[in-house]
Amino acid sequence: MKTIFTKLATNYCSNNRLIEQLWNEINSVYTHPKRYYHNFNHLQHLYDELLEVKDEINDWNTVLFSLFFHDIVYNALRRDNEERSVIIAENRLQSIDVPQSIIDAVKEQILATKSHKKSQDSDTNYFIDADLSILGQDFKQYGEYVTNIRQEYILYPDMIYKPGRKKVVEDFLQMDRIFKTDYFYNKYEKQARENLQLELEEMSVTGYLH
C-alpha cells in the first residue's frame, strides 16, 4: 500500500520527505492495535475490489485518495468520524498541492460512506459499493468481519452494542439495493442479504453471531 500511495502522491508533489510524513501518519493510524477491521486489510480488500472495476472509474486518483483517507479517523465512541476524516484529508491533500476539484470529490466520497446512499456520481457509487463488499463475502469471512467490528466496539457492553448492531443490519436489509452499481449488485447483493439475515437470526437466538 505504501508504494501505491507514494506513486499517487508524487503525481502532485515532488517533496519526498513530505510524502513520507503523510504515509507515516496513514501507516500509524491503520496499524493501530485497536483497529480490528478498519485496518490495512480493509484497505487492501477495498483496493482489490476497485481494481476489478478500474476501467469503469472516471478518476482513479480521486478514488485512491478516498481509499487512504476515508477511515483516517475511526473512533467507536464518536459519530462524526467521516466528517473528521474529511477535514484531515483536505488538509493533507492541500499540503501536496492536489487540485481542489479532486479534494472536493474525495470529500464527497468519504462522506458517502456514512449513509451509503446512491450518488449522482458513478465513481462515488463504485467506492461505497467496494467499501461494503465485505457484506457479500462467504459466511466465514463475514463472521470474521462481524467479530472484528465487535472488538472495535468492545468498550460498549452487549446491552448497548447489540441493539445498535441489530439496527445497522436491519437498515441494510431494508434498502432496495445495498449495492448501487450493477457490477457489485450482481456480484454481492444476494450473498450480502443472506449473510445479514443469518446474522439477524443468530442474534435473536444466541444474542450474537459467533
Protein backbone atom coordinates (compact mmCIF):
# COMPACT_ATOMS: atom_id res chain seq x y z
CA MET A 1 0.00 0.00 0.00
CA LYS A 2 2.91 2.33 0.63
CA THR A 3 4.06 2.02 -2.97
CA ILE A 4 0.57 2.80 -4.22
CA PHE A 5 0.25 5.88 -2.03
CA THR A 6 3.74 7.17 -2.80
CA LYS A 7 3.24 6.82 -6.54
CA LEU A 8 -0.14 8.53 -6.25
CA ALA A 9 1.17 11.45 -4.22
CA THR A 10 4.17 12.05 -6.48
CA ASN A 11 1.74 12.96 -9.27
CA TYR A 12 1.19 16.21 -7.39
CA CYS A 13 4.21 16.75 -5.18
CA SER A 14 7.98 16.31 -5.54
CA ASN A 15 8.70 16.70 -1.84
CA ASN A 16 9.56 13.12 -0.93
CA ARG A 17 10.02 13.97 2.72
CA LEU A 18 6.52 15.41 2.96
CA ILE A 19 5.04 12.41 1.16
CA GLU A 20 6.87 10.13 3.58
CA GLN A 21 5.42 12.07 6.51
CA LEU A 22 1.90 11.66 5.15
CA TRP A 23 2.48 7.96 4.65
CA ASN A 24 3.83 7.55 8.18
CA GLU A 25 0.64 9.10 9.52
CA ILE A 26 -1.52 6.79 7.42
CA ASN A 27 0.55 3.79 8.45
CA SER A 28 0.35 4.70 12.13
CA VAL A 29 -3.42 5.07 12.00
CA TYR A 30 -4.26 1.90 10.12
CA THR A 31 -1.87 -0.29 12.12
CA HIS A 32 -3.26 0.82 15.48
CA PRO A 33 -3.73 -2.32 17.62
CA LYS A 34 -7.36 -1.48 18.36
CA ARG A 35 -8.24 -1.46 14.66
CA TYR A 36 -9.50 -4.98 14.19
CA TYR A 37 -11.39 -4.33 10.96
CA HIS A 38 -10.68 -0.77 9.79
CA ASN A 39 -7.02 -1.51 9.12
CA PHE A 40 -4.76 -2.22 6.15
CA ASN A 41 -6.54 -5.49 5.46
CA HIS A 42 -9.67 -3.44 4.81
CA LEU A 43 -7.76 -1.03 2.57
CA GLN A 44 -6.20 -3.88 0.62
CA HIS A 45 -9.57 -5.55 0.16
CA LEU A 46 -11.08 -2.25 -0.96
CA TYR A 47 -8.24 -1.71 -3.42
CA ASP A 48 -8.59 -5.22 -4.86
CA GLU A 49 -12.32 -4.74 -5.37
CA LEU A 50 -11.87 -1.34 -7.02
CA LEU A 51 -9.13 -2.68 -9.27
CA GLU A 52 -11.70 -5.03 -10.79
CA VAL A 53 -13.74 -2.03 -12.00
CA LYS A 54 -10.87 0.36 -12.73
CA ASP A 55 -11.96 0.71 -16.37
CA GLU A 56 -15.37 1.95 -15.19
CA ILE A 57 -13.93 4.61 -12.90
CA ASN A 58 -13.53 8.10 -14.33
CA ASP A 59 -10.94 9.45 -11.88
CA TRP A 60 -8.79 6.70 -10.43
CA ASN A 61 -6.55 9.07 -8.45
CA THR A 62 -9.52 10.55 -6.63
CA VAL A 63 -10.80 7.12 -5.66
CA LEU A 64 -7.37 6.11 -4.39
CA PHE A 65 -7.10 9.21 -2.22
CA SER A 66 -10.56 8.42 -0.84
CA LEU A 67 -9.41 4.89 -0.08
CA PHE A 68 -6.47 6.04 2.03
CA PHE A 69 -8.30 8.78 3.90
CA HIS A 70 -11.87 7.51 4.33
CA ASP A 71 -11.09 5.87 7.69
CA ILE A 72 -8.16 8.08 8.70
CA VAL A 73 -10.30 8.90 11.76
CA TYR A 74 -12.11 5.97 13.34
CA ASN A 75 -13.26 6.22 16.93
CA ALA A 76 -16.05 3.91 18.04
CA LEU A 77 -17.09 6.44 20.68
CA ARG A 78 -17.87 9.14 18.11
CA ARG A 79 -20.39 9.56 15.31
CA ASP A 80 -18.52 12.15 13.28
CA ASN A 81 -15.61 10.03 12.03
CA GLU A 82 -16.37 10.71 8.38
CA GLU A 83 -16.59 14.45 8.92
CA ARG A 84 -13.33 14.47 10.85
CA SER A 85 -11.68 12.29 8.19
CA VAL A 86 -12.75 14.84 5.56
CA ILE A 87 -11.04 17.65 7.47
CA ILE A 88 -7.77 15.74 7.67
CA ALA A 89 -7.99 14.63 4.04
CA GLU A 90 -8.47 18.18 2.82
CA ASN A 91 -5.57 19.46 4.90
CA ARG A 92 -3.16 16.72 3.84
CA LEU A 93 -4.09 16.84 0.16
CA GLN A 94 -3.75 20.60 0.07
CA SER A 95 -0.27 20.21 1.53
CA ILE A 96 0.83 18.21 -1.53
CA ASP A 97 -0.89 20.54 -3.99
CA VAL A 98 -3.73 18.28 -5.06
CA PRO A 99 -6.26 20.38 -7.05
CA GLN A 100 -9.28 21.49 -5.05
CA SER A 101 -11.62 19.80 -7.54
CA ILE A 102 -10.10 16.43 -6.65
CA ILE A 103 -10.18 17.25 -2.94
CA ASP A 104 -13.87 18.12 -3.14
CA ALA A 105 -14.59 14.81 -4.88
CA VAL A 106 -12.62 12.95 -2.21
CA LYS A 107 -14.63 14.68 0.49
CA GLU A 108 -17.87 13.67 -1.20
CA GLN A 109 -16.79 10.04 -1.46
CA ILE A 110 -15.69 9.87 2.17
CA LEU A 111 -18.95 11.38 3.41
CA ALA A 112 -20.90 8.97 1.23
CA THR A 113 -19.54 6.05 3.26
CA LYS A 114 -21.62 7.28 6.19
CA SER A 115 -25.05 6.77 4.67
CA HIS A 116 -24.23 4.58 1.66
CA LYS A 117 -26.96 6.32 -0.32
CA LYS A 118 -26.83 6.31 -4.09
CA SER A 119 -24.91 9.24 -5.53
CA GLN A 120 -25.25 11.12 -8.79
CA ASP A 121 -21.54 10.40 -9.26
CA SER A 122 -20.74 6.91 -10.55
CA ASP A 123 -17.24 6.88 -9.05
CA THR A 124 -18.74 7.52 -5.63
CA ASN A 125 -21.14 4.62 -6.10
CA TYR A 126 -18.31 2.26 -7.03
CA PHE A 127 -16.35 3.44 -4.00
CA ILE A 128 -19.14 2.93 -1.47
CA ASP A 129 -20.03 -0.41 -3.02
CA ALA A 130 -16.43 -1.60 -2.70
CA ASP A 131 -16.44 -0.35 0.88
CA LEU A 132 -19.44 -2.60 1.59
CA SER A 133 -18.20 -5.59 -0.38
CA ILE A 134 -17.29 -7.40 2.84
CA LEU A 135 -21.03 -7.94 3.34
CA GLY A 136 -21.13 -10.20 0.30
CA GLN A 137 -18.21 -12.49 1.15
CA ASP A 138 -18.69 -16.11 2.18
CA PHE A 139 -20.20 -16.53 5.61
CA LYS A 140 -16.90 -17.45 7.25
CA GLN A 141 -15.31 -14.16 6.14
CA TYR A 142 -18.48 -12.32 7.04
CA GLY A 143 -18.40 -13.83 10.52
CA GLU A 144 -14.80 -12.68 10.97
CA TYR A 145 -15.86 -9.18 9.93
CA VAL A 146 -18.68 -9.18 12.48
CA THR A 147 -16.31 -10.37 15.21
CA ASN A 148 -13.74 -7.71 14.35
CA ILE A 149 -16.34 -4.95 14.36
CA ARG A 150 -17.47 -6.12 17.81
CA GLN A 151 -13.86 -5.89 19.00
CA GLU A 152 -13.66 -2.29 17.79
CA TYR A 153 -16.76 -1.52 19.86
CA ILE A 154 -15.62 -3.55 22.86
CA LEU A 155 -15.99 -0.53 25.15
CA TYR A 156 -19.75 -0.88 24.77
CA PRO A 157 -21.46 -3.60 26.82
CA ASP A 158 -23.74 -6.03 24.98
CA MET A 159 -26.86 -4.30 26.26
CA ILE A 160 -25.83 -1.21 24.28
CA TYR A 161 -23.97 -2.78 21.38
CA LYS A 162 -26.45 -5.47 20.35
CA PRO A 163 -29.44 -3.17 19.73
CA GLY A 164 -27.18 -0.83 17.75
CA ARG A 165 -25.79 -3.65 15.64
CA LYS A 166 -29.26 -5.03 15.07
CA LYS A 167 -30.41 -1.66 13.75
CA VAL A 168 -27.44 -1.48 11.36
CA VAL A 169 -28.24 -4.93 9.98
CA GLU A 170 -31.94 -4.15 9.65
CA ASP A 171 -31.20 -0.85 7.89
CA PHE A 172 -29.14 -2.68 5.26
CA LEU A 173 -31.84 -5.30 4.76
CA GLN A 174 -34.47 -2.60 4.30
CA MET A 175 -32.55 -0.96 1.45
CA ASP A 176 -33.99 -1.52 -2.01
CA ARG A 177 -30.42 -2.19 -3.13
CA ILE A 178 -27.44 -2.47 -0.81
CA PHE A 179 -25.10 -2.13 -3.79
CA LYS A 180 -25.77 0.80 -6.10
CA THR A 181 -23.76 -0.26 -9.16
CA ASP A 182 -24.85 -3.16 -11.33
CA TYR A 183 -21.42 -4.77 -11.06
CA PHE A 184 -21.40 -5.03 -7.28
CA TYR A 185 -25.14 -5.69 -7.10
CA ASN A 186 -24.82 -8.72 -9.36
CA LYS A 187 -21.69 -9.89 -7.58
CA TYR A 188 -22.65 -9.49 -3.92
CA GLU A 189 -26.27 -8.50 -3.29
CA LYS A 190 -27.71 -11.99 -2.86
CA GLN A 191 -24.93 -13.23 -0.58
CA ALA A 192 -24.93 -9.99 1.43
CA ARG A 193 -28.62 -10.32 2.18
CA GLU A 194 -28.20 -13.95 3.17
CA ASN A 195 -25.33 -13.02 5.50
CA LEU A 196 -27.20 -10.14 7.08
CA GLN A 197 -30.38 -12.16 7.52
CA LEU A 198 -28.48 -15.03 9.11
CA GLU A 199 -26.70 -12.63 11.48
CA LEU A 200 -30.06 -11.18 12.46
CA GLU A 201 -31.45 -14.65 13.14
CA GLU A 202 -28.33 -15.64 15.12
CA MET A 203 -28.64 -12.50 17.26
CA SER A 204 -32.24 -13.34 18.09
CA VAL A 205 -31.29 -16.88 19.13
CA THR A 206 -27.90 -16.52 20.83
CA GLY A 207 -27.70 -12.79 21.36
CA TYR A 208 -24.77 -12.56 18.99
CA LEU A 209 -23.17 -14.12 15.94
CA HIS A 210 -20.26 -16.50 16.63
